[in-house]
C-alpha atoms as a PDB file:
ATOM      1  CA  MET A   1      10.553  -1.266  -9.959  1.00  0.00           C
ATOM      2  CA  SER A   2       8.695  -4.165 -12.071  1.00  0.00           C
ATOM      3  CA  PRO A   3       9.674  -5.148 -15.766  1.00  0.00           C
ATOM      4  CA  ARG A   4       6.478  -4.297 -16.708  1.00  0.00           C
ATOM      5  CA  LYS A   5       6.419  -0.830 -18.553  1.00  0.00           C
ATOM      6  CA  ARG A   6       5.138   1.854 -16.861  1.00  0.00           C
ATOM      7  CA  SER A   7       2.589   3.709 -19.036  1.00  0.00           C
ATOM      8  CA  LEU A   8       2.382   6.581 -16.210  1.00  0.00           C
ATOM      9  CA  HIS A   9       4.752   7.679 -13.872  1.00  0.00           C
ATOM     10  CA  LEU A  10       2.076   9.036 -11.215  1.00  0.00           C
ATOM     11  CA  ARG A  11       2.957   7.465  -7.535  1.00  0.00           C
ATOM     12  CA  GLY A  12      -0.067   6.505  -5.307  1.00  0.00           C
ATOM     13  CA  VAL A  13      -0.233   4.893  -1.899  1.00  0.00           C
ATOM     14  CA  VAL A  14      -3.772   3.262  -1.667  1.00  0.00           C
ATOM     15  CA  ASP A  15      -5.299   2.888   1.665  1.00  0.00           C
ATOM     16  CA  THR A  16      -5.859  -0.608   3.505  1.00  0.00           C
ATOM     17  CA  SER A  17     -10.061   0.334   3.031  1.00  0.00           C
ATOM     18  CA  VAL A  18      -9.405   0.563  -0.682  1.00  0.00           C
ATOM     19  CA  VAL A  19      -7.554  -2.969  -0.725  1.00  0.00           C
ATOM     20  CA  LEU A  20     -10.374  -4.826   1.809  1.00  0.00           C
ATOM     21  CA  ALA A  21     -13.386  -3.252  -0.357  1.00  0.00           C
ATOM     22  CA  GLY A  22     -11.279  -4.282  -3.765  1.00  0.00           C
ATOM     23  CA  VAL A  23     -10.992  -7.972  -2.872  1.00  0.00           C
ATOM     24  CA  ALA A  24     -14.547  -8.134  -1.247  1.00  0.00           C
ATOM     25  CA  GLY A  25     -16.183  -6.652  -5.025  1.00  0.00           C
ATOM     26  CA  PHE A  26     -13.824  -9.222  -6.789  1.00  0.00           C
ATOM     27  CA  ARG A  27     -16.568 -11.928  -5.479  1.00  0.00           C
ATOM     28  CA  ASP A  28     -19.200  -9.271  -6.383  1.00  0.00           C
ATOM     29  CA  THR A  29     -21.021  -9.563  -9.968  1.00  0.00           C
ATOM     30  CA  GLY A  30     -22.261  -5.935  -9.472  1.00  0.00           C
ATOM     31  CA  HIS A  31     -20.408  -2.463 -10.076  1.00  0.00           C
ATOM     32  CA  ASN A  32     -17.679  -1.931  -7.115  1.00  0.00           C
ATOM     33  CA  ALA A  33     -15.504   0.671  -7.866  1.00  0.00           C
ATOM     34  CA  SER A  34     -12.448  -0.350  -5.455  1.00  0.00           C
ATOM     35  CA  ALA A  35     -12.559  -3.541  -7.740  1.00  0.00           C
ATOM     36  CA  ASP A  36     -12.774  -1.992 -10.514  1.00  0.00           C
ATOM     37  CA  PHE A  37      -9.196   0.165  -9.632  1.00  0.00           C
ATOM     38  CA  LEU A  38      -7.387  -2.915  -8.048  1.00  0.00           C
ATOM     39  CA  ARG A  39      -8.000  -4.826 -11.547  1.00  0.00           C
ATOM     40  CA  ARG A  40      -7.199  -1.572 -14.031  1.00  0.00           C
ATOM     41  CA  TRP A  41      -3.580  -1.324 -12.067  1.00  0.00           C
ATOM     42  CA  ALA A  42      -3.175  -5.170 -12.183  1.00  0.00           C
ATOM     43  CA  SER A  43      -3.699  -5.126 -16.062  1.00  0.00           C
ATOM     44  CA  ASP A  44      -2.712  -1.647 -17.487  1.00  0.00           C
ATOM     45  CA  ASN A  45      -0.095  -0.247 -14.961  1.00  0.00           C
ATOM     46  CA  THR A  46      -2.025   2.837 -14.625  1.00  0.00           C
ATOM     47  CA  PHE A  47       0.180   4.367 -11.831  1.00  0.00           C
ATOM     48  CA  ILE A  48       2.920   3.691  -9.546  1.00  0.00           C
ATOM     49  CA  TRP A  49       1.805   1.818  -6.654  1.00  0.00           C
ATOM     50  CA  LEU A  50       3.993   2.543  -3.425  1.00  0.00           C
ATOM     51  CA  ILE A  51       4.181   0.187  -0.639  1.00  0.00           C
ATOM     52  CA  SER A  52       5.977  -0.050   2.821  1.00  0.00           C
ATOM     53  CA  GLU A  53       6.816  -2.925   4.813  1.00  0.00           C
ATOM     54  CA  GLU A  54       4.610  -1.907   7.311  1.00  0.00           C
ATOM     55  CA  THR A  55       1.532  -1.175   4.699  1.00  0.00           C
ATOM     56  CA  LEU A  56       1.913  -4.141   3.490  1.00  0.00           C
ATOM     57  CA  ASP A  57       1.764  -5.528   7.070  1.00  0.00           C
ATOM     58  CA  GLU A  58      -1.420  -3.472   7.680  1.00  0.00           C
ATOM     59  CA  TYR A  59      -2.624  -5.089   4.969  1.00  0.00           C
ATOM     60  CA  LYS A  60      -2.149  -8.670   5.744  1.00  0.00           C
ATOM     61  CA  GLU A  61      -3.333  -7.994   9.456  1.00  0.00           C
ATOM     62  CA  VAL A  62      -6.723  -6.229   7.683  1.00  0.00           C
ATOM     63  CA  LEU A  63      -7.524  -8.762   5.558  1.00  0.00           C
ATOM     64  CA  ALA A  64      -7.171 -11.547   7.303  1.00  0.00           C
ATOM     65  CA  ARG A  65      -8.996 -10.109  10.288  1.00  0.00           C
ATOM     66  CA  HIS A  66     -11.900  -9.534   7.607  1.00  0.00           C
ATOM     67  CA  ARG A  67     -11.656 -13.656   7.098  1.00  0.00           C
ATOM     68  CA  VAL A  68      -9.749 -13.227   3.395  1.00  0.00           C
ATOM     69  CA  ARG A  69      -8.220 -16.730   3.448  1.00  0.00           C
ATOM     70  CA  ARG A  70      -4.722 -17.009   3.851  1.00  0.00           C
ATOM     71  CA  GLU A  71      -3.757 -17.894   0.215  1.00  0.00           C
ATOM     72  CA  LEU A  72      -5.640 -15.053  -1.275  1.00  0.00           C
ATOM     73  CA  ILE A  73      -3.398 -12.688   0.886  1.00  0.00           C
ATOM     74  CA  GLY A  74      -0.671 -14.323   0.324  1.00  0.00           C
ATOM     75  CA  ARG A  75      -1.246 -13.899  -3.802  1.00  0.00           C
ATOM     76  CA  ILE A  76      -1.946 -10.143  -3.061  1.00  0.00           C
ATOM     77  CA  ILE A  77       0.763  -9.263  -1.232  1.00  0.00           C
ATOM     78  CA  ASN A  78       3.439 -11.269  -3.319  1.00  0.00           C
ATOM     79  CA  LEU A  79       1.895  -9.478  -6.457  1.00  0.00           C
ATOM     80  CA  LEU A  80       2.804  -6.112  -4.507  1.00  0.00           C
ATOM     81  CA  ARG A  81       5.684  -7.558  -4.207  1.00  0.00           C
ATOM     82  CA  GLU A  82       6.622  -8.330  -7.441  1.00  0.00           C
ATOM     83  CA  GLU A  83       4.991  -4.944  -8.740  1.00  0.00           C
ATOM     84  CA  ALA A  84       4.372  -2.238  -7.105  1.00  0.00           C
ATOM     85  CA  SER A  85       7.514   0.348  -5.262  1.00  0.00           C
ATOM     86  CA  LEU A  86       8.700  -0.608  -2.161  1.00  0.00           C
ATOM     87  CA  VAL A  87       9.424   2.263  -0.630  1.00  0.00           C
ATOM     88  CA  ALA A  88      12.443   2.364   2.528  1.00  0.00           C
ATOM     89  CA  VAL A  89      10.371   4.249   5.633  1.00  0.00           C
ATOM     90  CA  LYS A  90      12.697   5.445   7.879  1.00  0.00           C
ATOM     91  CA  ARG A  91      10.940   6.943  10.781  1.00  0.00           C
ATOM     92  CA  THR A  92       6.722   7.189  10.909  1.00  0.00           C
ATOM     93  CA  GLU A  93       5.627  10.445  12.792  1.00  0.00           C
ATOM     94  CA  ARG A  94       2.259  10.230  14.570  1.00  0.00           C
ATOM     95  CA  VAL A  95       0.609  13.304  12.861  1.00  0.00           C
ATOM     96  CA  SER A  96      -3.152  11.707  12.120  1.00  0.00           C
ATOM     97  CA  PRO A  97      -6.342  11.894  14.424  1.00  0.00           C
ATOM     98  CA  ASP A  98      -6.227   7.411  12.971  1.00  0.00           C
ATOM     99  CA  PRO A  99      -2.736   6.275  14.013  1.00  0.00           C
ATOM    100  CA  GLY A 100      -3.502   3.808  11.346  1.00  0.00           C
ATOM    101  CA  ASN A 101      -2.813   6.121   8.684  1.00  0.00           C
ATOM    102  CA  ASP A 102       0.559   7.666   9.478  1.00  0.00           C
ATOM    103  CA  PRO A 103       2.091   4.608   7.607  1.00  0.00           C
ATOM    104  CA  LEU A 104       0.480   5.339   4.738  1.00  0.00           C
ATOM    105  CA  ARG A 105       1.267   9.063   4.796  1.00  0.00           C
ATOM    106  CA  ALA A 106       4.620   8.096   5.740  1.00  0.00           C
ATOM    107  CA  CYS A 107       4.948   5.635   2.864  1.00  0.00           C
ATOM    108  CA  ALA A 108       3.481   8.560   0.832  1.00  0.00           C
ATOM    109  CA  LYS A 109       5.993  11.562   1.983  1.00  0.00           C
ATOM    110  CA  GLU A 110       8.926   9.048   1.538  1.00  0.00           C
ATOM    111  CA  GLY A 111       7.721   7.662  -2.148  1.00  0.00           C
ATOM    112  CA  VAL A 112       7.292  10.963  -2.793  1.00  0.00           C
ATOM    113  CA  ALA A 113       3.688  10.010  -4.058  1.00  0.00           C
ATOM    114  CA  ASP A 114       1.129  12.242  -6.262  1.00  0.00           C
ATOM    115  CA  PHE A 115      -1.897  11.238  -4.739  1.00  0.00           C
ATOM    116  CA  ILE A 116      -3.770   8.745  -1.672  1.00  0.00           C
ATOM    117  CA  VAL A 117      -6.642   6.851  -2.794  1.00  0.00           C
ATOM    118  CA  THR A 118      -9.070   6.694   0.072  1.00  0.00           C
END
């Protein structure tokens, strides 16, 4: 866990679509709920963000596919590695109709998440 003090002990997993929408929202001047959500987490430690190696790989792949600059992807992944809580997922079961959601669900289960942001 990060050396920063956590004000709340709620644990959550963040869907890739929220990360992508939030990154896109950083460029816009209008209201973007995903960008606001990410900013609040980064500045206020609103919850413990649970990640796994699989979720980080998915974040990187989707951001790259949507042409987010490599430098920005690197900064995002580094921030998550420093500030989020890494969960060791032993096995990802195939249970979701969308197999892309299975790593998020496995991270939530293994990390005892209180919520998943989608």
